Amino acid sequence: MFENLTLIAVVISILWLASYAVYLYSSRQQNDLLHDIDNLQRKLEDTSK
């Protein structure tokens, strides 16, 4: 019985770690996109003058 509980705990831990990794990856991607948008807005403002 305890073998099954250990397996379940390992699977849950792996799922939590995978979820955290996806969160970190997507938050970094969002920051990169925001930075790119700011750069584009600055370029548009410079060309419109």
PDB file of N, CA and C in Angstrom:
ATOM      1  N   MET A   1       0.820  -1.199   0.000  1.00  0.00           N
ATOM      2  CA  MET A   1       0.000   0.000   0.000  1.00  0.00           C
ATOM      3  C   MET A   1       0.864   1.263   0.000  1.00  0.00           C
ATOM      4  N   PHE A   2       1.938   1.259   0.784  1.00  0.00           N
ATOM      5  CA  PHE A   2       2.786   2.438   0.853  1.00  0.00           C
ATOM      6  C   PHE A   2       3.562   2.670  -0.436  1.00  0.00           C
ATOM      7  N   GLU A   3       3.775   1.631  -1.213  1.00  0.00           N
ATOM      8  CA  GLU A   3       4.434   1.808  -2.499  1.00  0.00           C
ATOM      9  C   GLU A   3       3.578   2.677  -3.408  1.00  0.00           C
ATOM     10  N   ASN A   4       2.276   2.467  -3.379  1.00  0.00           N
ATOM     11  CA  ASN A   4       1.370   3.268  -4.199  1.00  0.00           C
ATOM     12  C   ASN A   4       1.345   4.727  -3.737  1.00  0.00           C
ATOM     13  N   LEU A   5       1.389   4.936  -2.420  1.00  0.00           N
ATOM     14  CA  LEU A   5       1.388   6.297  -1.903  1.00  0.00           C
ATOM     15  C   LEU A   5       2.666   7.029  -2.294  1.00  0.00           C
ATOM     16  N   THR A   6       3.770   6.328  -2.283  1.00  0.00           N
ATOM     17  CA  THR A   6       5.034   6.933  -2.695  1.00  0.00           C
ATOM     18  C   THR A   6       4.984   7.314  -4.163  1.00  0.00           C
ATOM     19  N   LEU A   7       4.450   6.437  -4.977  1.00  0.00           N
ATOM     20  CA  LEU A   7       4.330   6.717  -6.400  1.00  0.00           C
ATOM     21  C   LEU A   7       3.428   7.923  -6.639  1.00  0.00           C
ATOM     22  N   ILE A   8       2.326   7.997  -5.934  1.00  0.00           N
ATOM     23  CA  ILE A   8       1.406   9.126  -6.075  1.00  0.00           C
ATOM     24  C   ILE A   8       2.092  10.429  -5.651  1.00  0.00           C
ATOM     25  N   ALA A   9       2.857  10.392  -4.562  1.00  0.00           N
ATOM     26  CA  ALA A   9       3.564  11.581  -4.097  1.00  0.00           C
ATOM     27  C   ALA A   9       4.600  12.037  -5.121  1.00  0.00           C
ATOM     28  N   VAL A  10       5.291  11.090  -5.734  1.00  0.00           N
ATOM     29  CA  VAL A  10       6.287  11.436  -6.749  1.00  0.00           C
ATOM     30  C   VAL A  10       5.611  12.048  -7.968  1.00  0.00           C
ATOM     31  N   VAL A  11       4.508  11.474  -8.408  1.00  0.00           N
ATOM     32  CA  VAL A  11       3.791  11.991  -9.572  1.00  0.00           C
ATOM     33  C   VAL A  11       3.268  13.396  -9.300  1.00  0.00           C
ATOM     34  N   ILE A  12       2.710  13.608  -8.125  1.00  0.00           N
ATOM     35  CA  ILE A  12       2.198  14.938  -7.771  1.00  0.00           C
ATOM     36  C   ILE A  12       3.332  15.951  -7.714  1.00  0.00           C
ATOM     37  N   SER A  13       4.473  15.549  -7.157  1.00  0.00           N
ATOM     38  CA  SER A  13       5.624  16.454  -7.092  1.00  0.00           C
ATOM     39  C   SER A  13       6.103  16.820  -8.489  1.00  0.00           C
ATOM     40  N   ILE A  14       6.161  15.862  -9.379  1.00  0.00           N
ATOM     41  CA  ILE A  14       6.585  16.123 -10.755  1.00  0.00           C
ATOM     42  C   ILE A  14       5.600  17.065 -11.438  1.00  0.00           C
ATOM     43  N   LEU A  15       4.316  16.867 -11.227  1.00  0.00           N
ATOM     44  CA  LEU A  15       3.317  17.750 -11.827  1.00  0.00           C
ATOM     45  C   LEU A  15       3.443  19.178 -11.305  1.00  0.00           C
ATOM     46  N   TRP A  16       3.689  19.336 -10.009  1.00  0.00           N
ATOM     47  CA  TRP A  16       3.866  20.673  -9.444  1.00  0.00           C
ATOM     48  C   TRP A  16       5.099  21.343 -10.033  1.00  0.00           C
ATOM     49  N   LEU A  17       6.189  20.600 -10.135  1.00  0.00           N
ATOM     50  CA  LEU A  17       7.407  21.172 -10.703  1.00  0.00           C
ATOM     51  C   LEU A  17       7.205  21.562 -12.167  1.00  0.00           C
ATOM     52  N   ALA A  18       6.497  20.727 -12.915  1.00  0.00           N
ATOM     53  CA  ALA A  18       6.225  21.038 -14.321  1.00  0.00           C
ATOM     54  C   ALA A  18       5.342  22.282 -14.432  1.00  0.00           C
ATOM     55  N   SER A  19       4.351  22.394 -13.577  1.00  0.00           N
ATOM     56  CA  SER A  19       3.478  23.576 -13.588  1.00  0.00           C
ATOM     57  C   SER A  19       4.270  24.839 -13.263  1.00  0.00           C
ATOM     58  N   TYR A  20       5.163  24.747 -12.318  1.00  0.00           N
ATOM     59  CA  TYR A  20       5.990  25.891 -11.946  1.00  0.00           C
ATOM     60  C   TYR A  20       6.921  26.284 -13.092  1.00  0.00           C
ATOM     61  N   ALA A  21       7.476  25.296 -13.768  1.00  0.00           N
ATOM     62  CA  ALA A  21       8.354  25.573 -14.906  1.00  0.00           C
ATOM     63  C   ALA A  21       7.584  26.264 -16.031  1.00  0.00           C
ATOM     64  N   VAL A  22       6.368  25.830 -16.310  1.00  0.00           N
ATOM     65  CA  VAL A  22       5.549  26.471 -17.336  1.00  0.00           C
ATOM     66  C   VAL A  22       5.224  27.901 -16.934  1.00  0.00           C
ATOM     67  N   TYR A  23       4.930  28.119 -15.676  1.00  0.00           N
ATOM     68  CA  TYR A  23       4.649  29.473 -15.189  1.00  0.00           C
ATOM     69  C   TYR A  23       5.864  30.381 -15.376  1.00  0.00           C
ATOM     70  N   LEU A  24       7.045  29.905 -14.990  1.00  0.00           N
ATOM     71  CA  LEU A  24       8.252  30.712 -15.140  1.00  0.00           C
ATOM     72  C   LEU A  24       8.536  31.015 -16.607  1.00  0.00           C
ATOM     73  N   TYR A  25       8.361  30.031 -17.461  1.00  0.00           N
ATOM     74  CA  TYR A  25       8.615  30.222 -18.890  1.00  0.00           C
ATOM     75  C   TYR A  25       7.651  31.250 -19.479  1.00  0.00           C
ATOM     76  N   SER A  26       6.375  31.120 -19.160  1.00  0.00           N
ATOM     77  CA  SER A  26       5.386  32.032 -19.740  1.00  0.00           C
ATOM     78  C   SER A  26       5.534  33.446 -19.176  1.00  0.00           C
ATOM     79  N   SER A  27       5.912  33.586 -17.926  1.00  0.00           N
ATOM     80  CA  SER A  27       6.093  34.926 -17.372  1.00  0.00           C
ATOM     81  C   SER A  27       7.312  35.597 -18.000  1.00  0.00           C
ATOM     82  N   ARG A  28       8.350  34.828 -18.306  1.00  0.00           N
ATOM     83  CA  ARG A  28       9.508  35.412 -18.983  1.00  0.00           C
ATOM     84  C   ARG A  28       9.143  35.818 -20.406  1.00  0.00           C
ATOM     85  N   GLN A  29       8.371  35.005 -21.077  1.00  0.00           N
ATOM     86  CA  GLN A  29       7.933  35.339 -22.428  1.00  0.00           C
ATOM     87  C   GLN A  29       7.108  36.615 -22.415  1.00  0.00           C
ATOM     88  N   GLN A  30       6.264  36.783 -21.418  1.00  0.00           N
ATOM     89  CA  GLN A  30       5.434  37.978 -21.317  1.00  0.00           C
ATOM     90  C   GLN A  30       6.304  39.212 -21.113  1.00  0.00           C
ATOM     91  N   ASN A  31       7.313  39.105 -20.277  1.00  0.00           N
ATOM     92  CA  ASN A  31       8.207  40.245 -20.060  1.00  0.00           C
ATOM     93  C   ASN A  31       8.943  40.611 -21.341  1.00  0.00           C
ATOM     94  N   ASP A  32       9.381  39.613 -22.091  1.00  0.00           N
ATOM     95  CA  ASP A  32      10.052  39.879 -23.364  1.00  0.00           C
ATOM     96  C   ASP A  32       9.108  40.572 -24.341  1.00  0.00           C
ATOM     97  N   LEU A  33       7.866  40.129 -24.385  1.00  0.00           N
ATOM     98  CA  LEU A  33       6.888  40.763 -25.277  1.00  0.00           C
ATOM     99  C   LEU A  33       6.621  42.214 -24.881  1.00  0.00           C
ATOM    100  N   LEU A  34       6.502  42.471 -23.603  1.00  0.00           N
ATOM    101  CA  LEU A  34       6.281  43.841 -23.141  1.00  0.00           C
ATOM    102  C   LEU A  34       7.464  44.735 -23.504  1.00  0.00           C
ATOM    103  N   HIS A  35       8.655  44.202 -23.378  1.00  0.00           N
ATOM    104  CA  HIS A  35       9.853  44.957 -23.752  1.00  0.00           C
ATOM    105  C   HIS A  35       9.852  45.261 -25.254  1.00  0.00           C
ATOM    106  N   ASP A  36       9.497  44.278 -26.062  1.00  0.00           N
ATOM    107  CA  ASP A  36       9.431  44.483 -27.513  1.00  0.00           C
ATOM    108  C   ASP A  36       8.365  45.507 -27.891  1.00  0.00           C
ATOM    109  N   ILE A  37       7.238  45.464 -27.219  1.00  0.00           N
ATOM    110  CA  ILE A  37       6.163  46.427 -27.496  1.00  0.00           C
ATOM    111  C   ILE A  37       6.622  47.842 -27.155  1.00  0.00           C
ATOM    112  N   ASP A  38       7.298  47.995 -26.026  1.00  0.00           N
ATOM    113  CA  ASP A  38       7.811  49.320 -25.657  1.00  0.00           C
ATOM    114  C   ASP A  38       8.806  49.837 -26.699  1.00  0.00           C
ATOM    115  N   ASN A  39       9.682  48.961 -27.172  1.00  0.00           N
ATOM    116  CA  ASN A  39      10.650  49.368 -28.202  1.00  0.00           C
ATOM    117  C   ASN A  39       9.938  49.798 -29.480  1.00  0.00           C
ATOM    118  N   LEU A  40       8.925  49.059 -29.881  1.00  0.00           N
ATOM    119  CA  LEU A  40       8.180  49.410 -31.087  1.00  0.00           C
ATOM    120  C   LEU A  40       7.456  50.737 -30.932  1.00  0.00           C
ATOM    121  N   GLN A  41       6.880  50.969 -29.765  1.00  0.00           N
ATOM    122  CA  GLN A  41       6.188  52.239 -29.538  1.00  0.00           C
ATOM    123  C   GLN A  41       7.160  53.407 -29.602  1.00  0.00           C
ATOM    124  N   ARG A  42       8.364  53.227 -29.043  1.00  0.00           N
ATOM    125  CA  ARG A  42       9.366  54.288 -29.119  1.00  0.00           C
ATOM    126  C   ARG A  42       9.782  54.551 -30.559  1.00  0.00           C
ATOM    127  N   LYS A  43       9.960  53.495 -31.331  1.00  0.00           N
ATOM    128  CA  LYS A  43      10.332  53.668 -32.741  1.00  0.00           C
ATOM    129  C   LYS A  43       9.230  54.377 -33.517  1.00  0.00           C
ATOM    130  N   LEU A  44       7.979  54.041 -33.249  1.00  0.00           N
ATOM    131  CA  LEU A  44       6.866  54.703 -33.926  1.00  0.00           C
ATOM    132  C   LEU A  44       6.795  56.178 -33.550  1.00  0.00           C
ATOM    133  N   GLU A  45       7.043  56.482 -32.308  1.00  0.00           N
ATOM    134  CA  GLU A  45       7.024  57.876 -31.879  1.00  0.00           C
ATOM    135  C   GLU A  45       8.160  58.668 -32.532  1.00  0.00           C
ATOM    136  N   ASP A  46       9.313  58.037 -32.685  1.00  0.00           N
ATOM    137  CA  ASP A  46      10.445  58.715 -33.317  1.00  0.00           C
ATOM    138  C   ASP A  46      10.195  58.961 -34.803  1.00  0.00           C
ATOM    139  N   THR A  47       9.581  58.026 -35.480  1.00  0.00           N
ATOM    140  CA  THR A  47       9.354  58.186 -36.916  1.00  0.00           C
ATOM    141  C   THR A  47       8.201  59.146 -37.206  1.00  0.00           C
ATOM    142  N   SER A  48       7.309  59.335 -36.272  1.00  0.00           N
ATOM    143  CA  SER A  48       6.176  60.220 -36.522  1.00  0.00           C
ATOM    144  C   SER A  48       6.537  61.693 -36.316  1.00  0.00           C
ATOM    145  N   LYS A  49       7.687  61.972 -35.766  1.00  0.00           N
ATOM    146  CA  LYS A  49       8.088  63.377 -35.516  1.00  0.00           C
ATOM    147  C   LYS A  49       8.651  64.011 -36.747  1.00  0.00           C
TER     148      LYS A  49
END
